[in-house]
Amino acid sequence: MSIYLEIAHKTLKIEADSILALIPRIGAEFEKAADMILNCKGKLVFTGIGKSGQIARKLASTFSSTGSPAIYLHPAESSHGDLGVMTSGDLVIALSYGGEAAEMNSILNFISRRGIQLVALTGKSASTLAQAATVVLDVSVEKEACPLNLAPTSSSTATLAMGDALAMAVLEKRGFKSENFAELHPAGSLGAKLLRVKDLMQKGDALPFVKVTTSTKELLTKMTHQNVRGAAGVVNDLGQLIGVVTDGDIRRFLERQQDPFSTTASDLMSHTPRTIDANELAEKAFFLMEQFRIQMLIVLDKSSATPQNPVGMLIYSDLLAAKIR
């Protein structure tokens, strides 16, 4: 084995052991910190300097994307006006392995005066940071993966892992679901896969829905000039979906009928329209359209008081634009 591989294996082993060593420390203090985050009326303010600051930025992003609004406050900038970002309802979560970073002093003094609660992630329980905190989460490690035992490696990894564990515990307790994740990640590929039909469907009065008695001429006008073109849903007097007319239906009808303008929608429509529930994943709609080689699905809301009444139309091109795949 080369020296590179040997060092890499050793590094991963040390960092993995550092994370596993955190498990016995997950107890009452962890539960208290999770409750404080869950009950926070304001926002989470993450802070830290150096490598701890980089981990703090990442954790702020993780909490924000999982239902707990959070920001990162740079300690050095805080004493130049940025302390004003904090309010009495906020919760500060400070990261410092040694717990003695001088840049943190202005933040500690400010939150002490304002009565703002503090959760500390530190490796030194007797440090200034730990003494100022309401709750202390111990992220101490036996040694760094750095051969010189100097560069933050195991300690920053353990701090990140503890923060992630806290975020996932709060996420679960909050009842954060896949649709919440999709709402907060509209531009990401993960969020796109979690989008619901109702998020992408066309809706409103401009949709082409007609009655069975609608003349073919009026039907063609609606299919040509409405937002959704090339298809029209057919509803009865109660607004319930009973059929659909597509371009293909019209072409097939014209092959059999010499005077199409003497007919109505009931003569052209198919009685088995393809539908999908508004709360289904858009991914399922994509699958159905490809399976049946169709460009449109009529959307129903099966949880409503009128489950047979269409509430929209979902178009294949809209799914492509949303980058479902």
Protein backbone atom coordinates (compact mmCIF):
# COMPACT_ATOMS: atom_id res chain seq x y z
CA MET A 1 0.00 0.00 0.00
CA SER A 2 1.35 3.45 -0.94
CA ILE A 3 1.94 6.12 1.67
CA TYR A 4 -0.96 8.13 0.19
CA LEU A 5 -3.43 5.30 0.65
CA GLU A 6 -2.12 4.50 4.10
CA ILE A 7 -2.57 8.10 5.26
CA ALA A 8 -6.00 8.34 3.66
CA HIS A 9 -7.19 5.16 5.41
CA LYS A 10 -5.79 6.38 8.71
CA THR A 11 -7.45 9.79 8.34
CA LEU A 12 -10.86 8.32 7.61
CA LYS A 13 -10.54 5.88 10.50
CA ILE A 14 -9.64 8.63 12.98
CA GLU A 15 -12.46 10.91 11.82
CA ALA A 16 -15.01 8.06 11.82
CA ASP A 17 -14.00 7.11 15.35
CA SER A 18 -14.39 10.75 16.40
CA ILE A 19 -17.98 10.78 15.17
CA LEU A 20 -18.83 7.46 16.80
CA ALA A 21 -17.43 8.76 20.09
CA LEU A 22 -20.18 11.41 20.09
CA ILE A 23 -22.99 8.86 20.42
CA PRO A 24 -22.66 8.29 24.21
CA ARG A 25 -22.81 12.09 24.70
CA ILE A 26 -26.23 12.42 23.13
CA GLY A 27 -28.38 12.90 26.21
CA ALA A 28 -30.22 15.51 28.26
CA GLU A 29 -28.19 18.47 26.99
CA PHE A 30 -28.83 17.44 23.39
CA GLU A 31 -32.57 17.15 24.07
CA LYS A 32 -32.59 20.57 25.70
CA ALA A 33 -30.80 22.11 22.72
CA ALA A 34 -33.28 20.50 20.31
CA ASP A 35 -36.24 21.82 22.31
CA MET A 36 -34.73 25.30 22.36
CA ILE A 37 -34.41 25.25 18.57
CA LEU A 38 -37.90 23.86 18.08
CA ASN A 39 -39.42 26.49 20.38
CA CYS A 40 -37.36 29.40 19.06
CA LYS A 41 -39.73 32.27 18.16
CA GLY A 42 -37.15 34.08 16.07
CA LYS A 43 -34.27 32.73 13.98
CA LEU A 44 -31.18 30.69 14.66
CA VAL A 45 -27.97 32.72 14.56
CA PHE A 46 -24.93 30.53 13.89
CA THR A 47 -21.51 31.96 14.55
CA GLY A 48 -17.89 30.82 14.58
CA ILE A 49 -14.49 31.89 13.28
CA GLY A 50 -12.00 30.07 11.04
CA LYS A 51 -12.84 26.43 10.32
CA SER A 52 -15.60 26.59 12.93
CA GLY A 53 -17.09 29.50 11.00
CA GLN A 54 -17.17 27.44 7.82
CA ILE A 55 -18.97 24.63 9.65
CA ALA A 56 -21.36 27.21 11.15
CA ARG A 57 -22.22 28.48 7.66
CA LYS A 58 -23.00 24.97 6.51
CA LEU A 59 -25.18 24.23 9.53
CA ALA A 60 -27.10 27.50 9.09
CA SER A 61 -27.86 26.41 5.54
CA THR A 62 -28.92 22.92 6.67
CA PHE A 63 -31.31 24.24 9.32
CA SER A 64 -32.79 26.82 6.94
CA SER A 65 -33.49 24.19 4.31
CA THR A 66 -35.17 21.88 6.81
CA GLY A 67 -37.66 24.27 8.35
CA SER A 68 -35.65 26.25 10.93
CA PRO A 69 -34.83 29.77 9.64
CA ALA A 70 -31.14 30.42 10.29
CA ILE A 71 -28.36 32.85 9.38
CA TYR A 72 -24.60 33.00 9.83
CA LEU A 73 -23.10 35.93 11.76
CA HIS A 74 -19.38 36.55 11.28
CA PRO A 75 -17.84 37.31 14.71
CA ALA A 76 -15.38 39.87 13.34
CA GLU A 77 -18.14 41.76 11.51
CA SER A 78 -20.53 41.61 14.46
CA SER A 79 -18.78 44.39 16.36
CA HIS A 80 -19.05 46.69 13.34
CA GLY A 81 -22.83 46.89 13.32
CA ASP A 82 -23.91 43.35 12.47
CA LEU A 83 -24.94 42.65 16.06
CA GLY A 84 -28.14 44.42 15.06
CA VAL A 85 -29.24 41.32 13.17
CA MET A 86 -30.07 39.64 16.49
CA THR A 87 -33.36 40.09 18.32
CA SER A 88 -34.63 38.93 21.69
CA GLY A 89 -36.51 35.98 20.19
CA ASP A 90 -33.43 34.54 18.46
CA LEU A 91 -31.25 31.63 19.55
CA VAL A 92 -27.49 31.83 19.09
CA ILE A 93 -25.57 28.65 18.27
CA ALA A 94 -21.83 29.25 18.60
CA LEU A 95 -19.11 26.92 17.36
CA SER A 96 -15.57 27.06 18.73
CA TYR A 97 -13.52 23.98 19.52
CA GLY A 98 -11.24 25.79 21.97
CA GLY A 99 -13.99 28.12 23.15
CA GLU A 100 -11.63 31.07 23.58
CA ALA A 101 -11.80 32.88 20.22
CA ALA A 102 -11.40 36.59 21.02
CA GLU A 103 -13.58 37.53 18.03
CA MET A 104 -16.57 35.96 19.83
CA ASN A 105 -16.43 38.29 22.82
CA SER A 106 -18.61 41.02 21.33
CA ILE A 107 -21.33 38.48 20.57
CA LEU A 108 -21.14 36.91 24.04
CA ASN A 109 -21.36 40.31 25.70
CA PHE A 110 -24.27 41.40 23.52
CA ILE A 111 -26.41 38.31 24.09
CA SER A 112 -25.68 38.46 27.81
CA ARG A 113 -27.03 42.00 27.97
CA ARG A 114 -30.07 41.14 25.86
CA GLY A 115 -30.88 37.85 27.57
CA ILE A 116 -30.54 35.86 24.32
CA GLN A 117 -30.01 32.15 24.86
CA LEU A 118 -26.85 30.42 23.66
CA VAL A 119 -26.08 26.85 22.58
CA ALA A 120 -22.36 26.11 22.38
CA LEU A 121 -20.67 23.36 20.40
CA THR A 122 -17.17 23.15 21.85
CA GLY A 123 -14.47 20.70 22.80
CA LYS A 124 -13.56 22.51 26.01
CA SER A 125 -16.23 22.40 28.72
CA ALA A 126 -14.33 24.84 30.95
CA SER A 127 -13.88 27.47 28.21
CA THR A 128 -15.26 31.00 28.20
CA LEU A 129 -17.79 30.02 25.54
CA ALA A 130 -19.01 27.01 27.49
CA GLN A 131 -19.38 29.05 30.67
CA ALA A 132 -21.53 31.62 28.85
CA ALA A 133 -23.82 29.05 27.24
CA THR A 134 -27.27 27.89 28.28
CA VAL A 135 -26.53 24.46 26.82
CA VAL A 136 -23.15 22.92 25.93
CA LEU A 137 -22.74 20.10 23.40
CA ASP A 138 -19.41 18.34 23.82
CA VAL A 139 -17.64 17.81 20.48
CA SER A 140 -14.21 17.01 21.90
CA VAL A 141 -12.05 14.49 20.03
CA GLU A 142 -9.18 12.30 21.15
CA LYS A 143 -6.91 13.60 18.41
CA GLU A 144 -6.95 15.37 15.09
CA ALA A 145 -6.39 13.37 11.91
CA CYS A 146 -3.61 15.81 11.09
CA PRO A 147 -0.25 14.04 11.70
CA LEU A 148 0.88 17.15 13.58
CA ASN A 149 -2.34 17.11 15.62
CA LEU A 150 -2.81 20.77 14.67
CA ALA A 151 -5.05 21.28 11.61
CA PRO A 152 -8.75 21.03 12.53
CA THR A 153 -9.86 17.74 10.97
CA SER A 154 -11.48 15.35 13.42
CA SER A 155 -12.73 18.25 15.52
CA SER A 156 -14.44 20.05 12.61
CA THR A 157 -15.88 16.75 11.36
CA ALA A 158 -17.28 15.94 14.81
CA THR A 159 -18.76 19.43 15.14
CA LEU A 160 -20.46 19.13 11.77
CA ALA A 161 -21.82 15.69 12.63
CA MET A 162 -23.21 16.92 15.97
CA GLY A 163 -24.88 19.85 14.21
CA ASP A 164 -26.37 17.57 11.56
CA ALA A 165 -27.69 15.23 14.27
CA LEU A 166 -29.35 18.20 15.94
CA ALA A 167 -30.87 19.36 12.63
CA MET A 168 -32.29 15.92 11.85
CA ALA A 169 -33.73 15.52 15.34
CA VAL A 170 -35.50 18.89 15.05
CA LEU A 171 -36.66 18.11 11.50
CA GLU A 172 -38.30 14.88 12.66
CA LYS A 173 -39.91 16.48 15.72
CA ARG A 174 -41.19 19.42 13.64
CA GLY A 175 -42.92 17.05 11.23
CA PHE A 176 -41.03 18.44 8.22
CA LYS A 177 -42.16 16.53 5.13
CA SER A 178 -41.04 16.01 1.54
CA GLU A 179 -43.43 18.67 0.24
CA ASN A 180 -41.89 21.21 2.66
CA PHE A 181 -38.46 20.28 1.35
CA ALA A 182 -39.62 20.76 -2.25
CA GLU A 183 -41.04 24.19 -1.42
CA LEU A 184 -37.68 25.32 -0.05
CA HIS A 185 -35.68 23.76 -2.90
CA PRO A 186 -37.60 24.79 -6.03
CA ALA A 187 -34.49 25.08 -8.21
CA GLY A 188 -32.74 21.90 -7.13
CA SER A 189 -33.04 18.48 -8.73
CA LEU A 190 -34.05 16.95 -5.40
CA GLY A 191 -36.80 19.51 -4.93
CA ALA A 192 -38.01 19.03 -8.50
CA LYS A 193 -38.56 15.33 -7.91
CA LEU A 194 -40.69 16.18 -4.88
CA LEU A 195 -42.93 18.68 -6.64
CA ARG A 196 -46.64 17.89 -6.65
CA VAL A 197 -48.96 18.02 -9.62
CA LYS A 198 -50.73 21.01 -8.07
CA ASP A 199 -47.43 22.93 -8.10
CA LEU A 200 -47.08 22.66 -11.88
CA MET A 201 -50.59 22.36 -13.29
CA GLN A 202 -52.29 25.00 -15.41
CA LYS A 203 -55.38 26.35 -13.72
CA GLY A 204 -57.97 29.10 -13.88
CA ASP A 205 -60.76 30.23 -16.17
CA ALA A 206 -58.54 30.19 -19.26
CA LEU A 207 -58.43 26.38 -19.33
CA PRO A 208 -60.33 24.69 -22.17
CA PHE A 209 -63.27 22.96 -20.50
CA VAL A 210 -66.55 22.67 -22.41
CA LYS A 211 -70.03 21.23 -22.01
CA VAL A 212 -71.31 18.24 -23.99
CA THR A 213 -73.55 20.61 -25.96
CA THR A 214 -70.69 22.91 -27.00
CA SER A 215 -70.54 23.18 -30.78
CA THR A 216 -67.52 21.82 -32.61
CA LYS A 217 -66.70 25.30 -33.89
CA GLU A 218 -66.62 26.74 -30.37
CA LEU A 219 -64.70 23.70 -29.18
CA LEU A 220 -61.99 24.24 -31.81
CA THR A 221 -61.77 27.90 -30.84
CA LYS A 222 -61.16 27.00 -27.20
CA MET A 223 -58.60 24.36 -28.11
CA THR A 224 -56.74 26.90 -30.22
CA HIS A 225 -56.82 30.08 -28.16
CA GLN A 226 -56.78 29.01 -24.49
CA ASN A 227 -53.61 28.65 -22.42
CA VAL A 228 -53.63 24.88 -22.91
CA ARG A 229 -53.88 24.03 -26.59
CA GLY A 230 -54.67 20.84 -28.46
CA ALA A 231 -57.08 19.36 -25.92
CA ALA A 232 -60.27 20.18 -24.04
CA GLY A 233 -61.99 18.53 -21.10
CA VAL A 234 -65.71 17.87 -21.28
CA VAL A 235 -67.84 18.38 -18.16
CA ASN A 236 -71.51 17.88 -17.34
CA ASP A 237 -73.86 20.41 -15.76
CA LEU A 238 -72.43 19.63 -12.31
CA GLY A 239 -68.92 20.42 -13.51
CA GLN A 240 -67.87 16.78 -13.33
CA LEU A 241 -65.41 15.44 -15.87
CA ILE A 242 -67.02 13.04 -18.32
CA GLY A 243 -64.69 13.12 -21.31
CA VAL A 244 -61.87 14.74 -23.25
CA VAL A 245 -61.36 15.89 -26.83
CA THR A 246 -57.86 15.87 -28.28
CA ASP A 247 -56.41 16.72 -31.68
CA GLY A 248 -56.32 13.00 -32.39
CA ASP A 249 -60.03 12.63 -31.62
CA ILE A 250 -60.82 15.41 -34.09
CA ARG A 251 -58.67 13.93 -36.86
CA ARG A 252 -60.27 10.52 -36.44
CA PHE A 253 -63.73 12.07 -36.42
CA LEU A 254 -63.05 14.02 -39.62
CA GLU A 255 -62.18 10.79 -41.39
CA ARG A 256 -65.73 9.57 -40.74
CA GLN A 257 -67.79 12.79 -40.82
CA GLN A 258 -68.45 15.03 -43.83
CA ASP A 259 -69.96 17.94 -41.89
CA PRO A 260 -68.11 18.27 -38.57
CA PHE A 261 -69.58 21.69 -37.76
CA SER A 262 -73.05 20.22 -37.32
CA THR A 263 -71.79 18.25 -34.31
CA THR A 264 -71.06 18.97 -30.64
CA ALA A 265 -68.40 17.99 -28.12
CA SER A 266 -70.35 14.87 -27.15
CA ASP A 267 -69.84 13.50 -30.70
CA LEU A 268 -66.08 13.91 -30.64
CA MET A 269 -65.05 13.20 -27.06
CA SER A 270 -63.37 10.16 -25.60
CA HIS A 271 -65.21 8.85 -22.53
CA THR A 272 -62.04 7.67 -20.76
CA PRO A 273 -59.91 10.74 -20.08
CA ARG A 274 -56.55 10.25 -18.37
CA THR A 275 -56.53 11.98 -15.00
CA ILE A 276 -54.26 12.45 -12.02
CA ASP A 277 -54.81 13.70 -8.48
CA ALA A 278 -53.51 17.17 -7.65
CA ASN A 279 -51.55 15.82 -4.68
CA GLU A 280 -49.63 13.17 -6.62
CA LEU A 281 -45.93 13.64 -7.24
CA ALA A 282 -45.17 15.28 -10.58
CA GLU A 283 -42.76 12.39 -11.17
CA LYS A 284 -45.74 10.02 -11.35
CA ALA A 285 -47.45 12.27 -13.90
CA PHE A 286 -44.29 12.18 -16.00
CA PHE A 287 -44.35 8.37 -15.90
CA LEU A 288 -48.03 8.20 -16.93
CA MET A 289 -47.56 10.58 -19.84
CA GLU A 290 -44.63 8.58 -21.16
CA GLN A 291 -46.39 5.26 -20.57
CA PHE A 292 -49.52 6.27 -22.51
CA ARG A 293 -47.71 8.61 -24.92
CA ILE A 294 -49.90 11.58 -24.11
CA GLN A 295 -49.11 15.27 -23.71
CA MET A 296 -51.70 16.23 -21.11
CA LEU A 297 -53.42 14.99 -17.96
CA ILE A 298 -56.59 16.44 -16.47
CA VAL A 299 -56.13 17.13 -12.75
CA LEU A 300 -58.71 16.22 -10.11
CA ASP A 301 -58.65 16.91 -6.38
CA LYS A 302 -59.84 13.69 -4.83
CA SER A 303 -59.66 15.13 -1.32
CA SER A 304 -62.16 17.89 -2.13
CA ALA A 305 -65.94 17.88 -1.77
CA THR A 306 -66.21 17.55 -5.57
CA PRO A 307 -63.61 14.90 -6.47
CA GLN A 308 -64.88 14.50 -10.04
CA ASN A 309 -64.61 18.20 -10.89
CA PRO A 310 -61.39 19.09 -12.74
CA VAL A 311 -59.17 21.67 -11.08
CA GLY A 312 -56.51 22.01 -13.76
CA MET A 313 -54.47 20.47 -16.55
CA LEU A 314 -50.89 19.24 -16.46
CA ILE A 315 -48.87 19.60 -19.65
CA TYR A 316 -45.85 17.50 -20.62
CA SER A 317 -43.85 20.58 -21.60
CA ASP A 318 -44.37 22.05 -18.11
CA LEU A 319 -42.86 18.93 -16.57
CA LEU A 320 -39.88 19.24 -18.89
CA ALA A 321 -39.47 22.90 -17.99
CA ALA A 322 -39.49 22.02 -14.28
CA LYS A 323 -36.67 19.52 -14.91
CA ILE A 324 -38.45 16.67 -13.19
CA ARG A 325 -35.90 14.45 -14.92
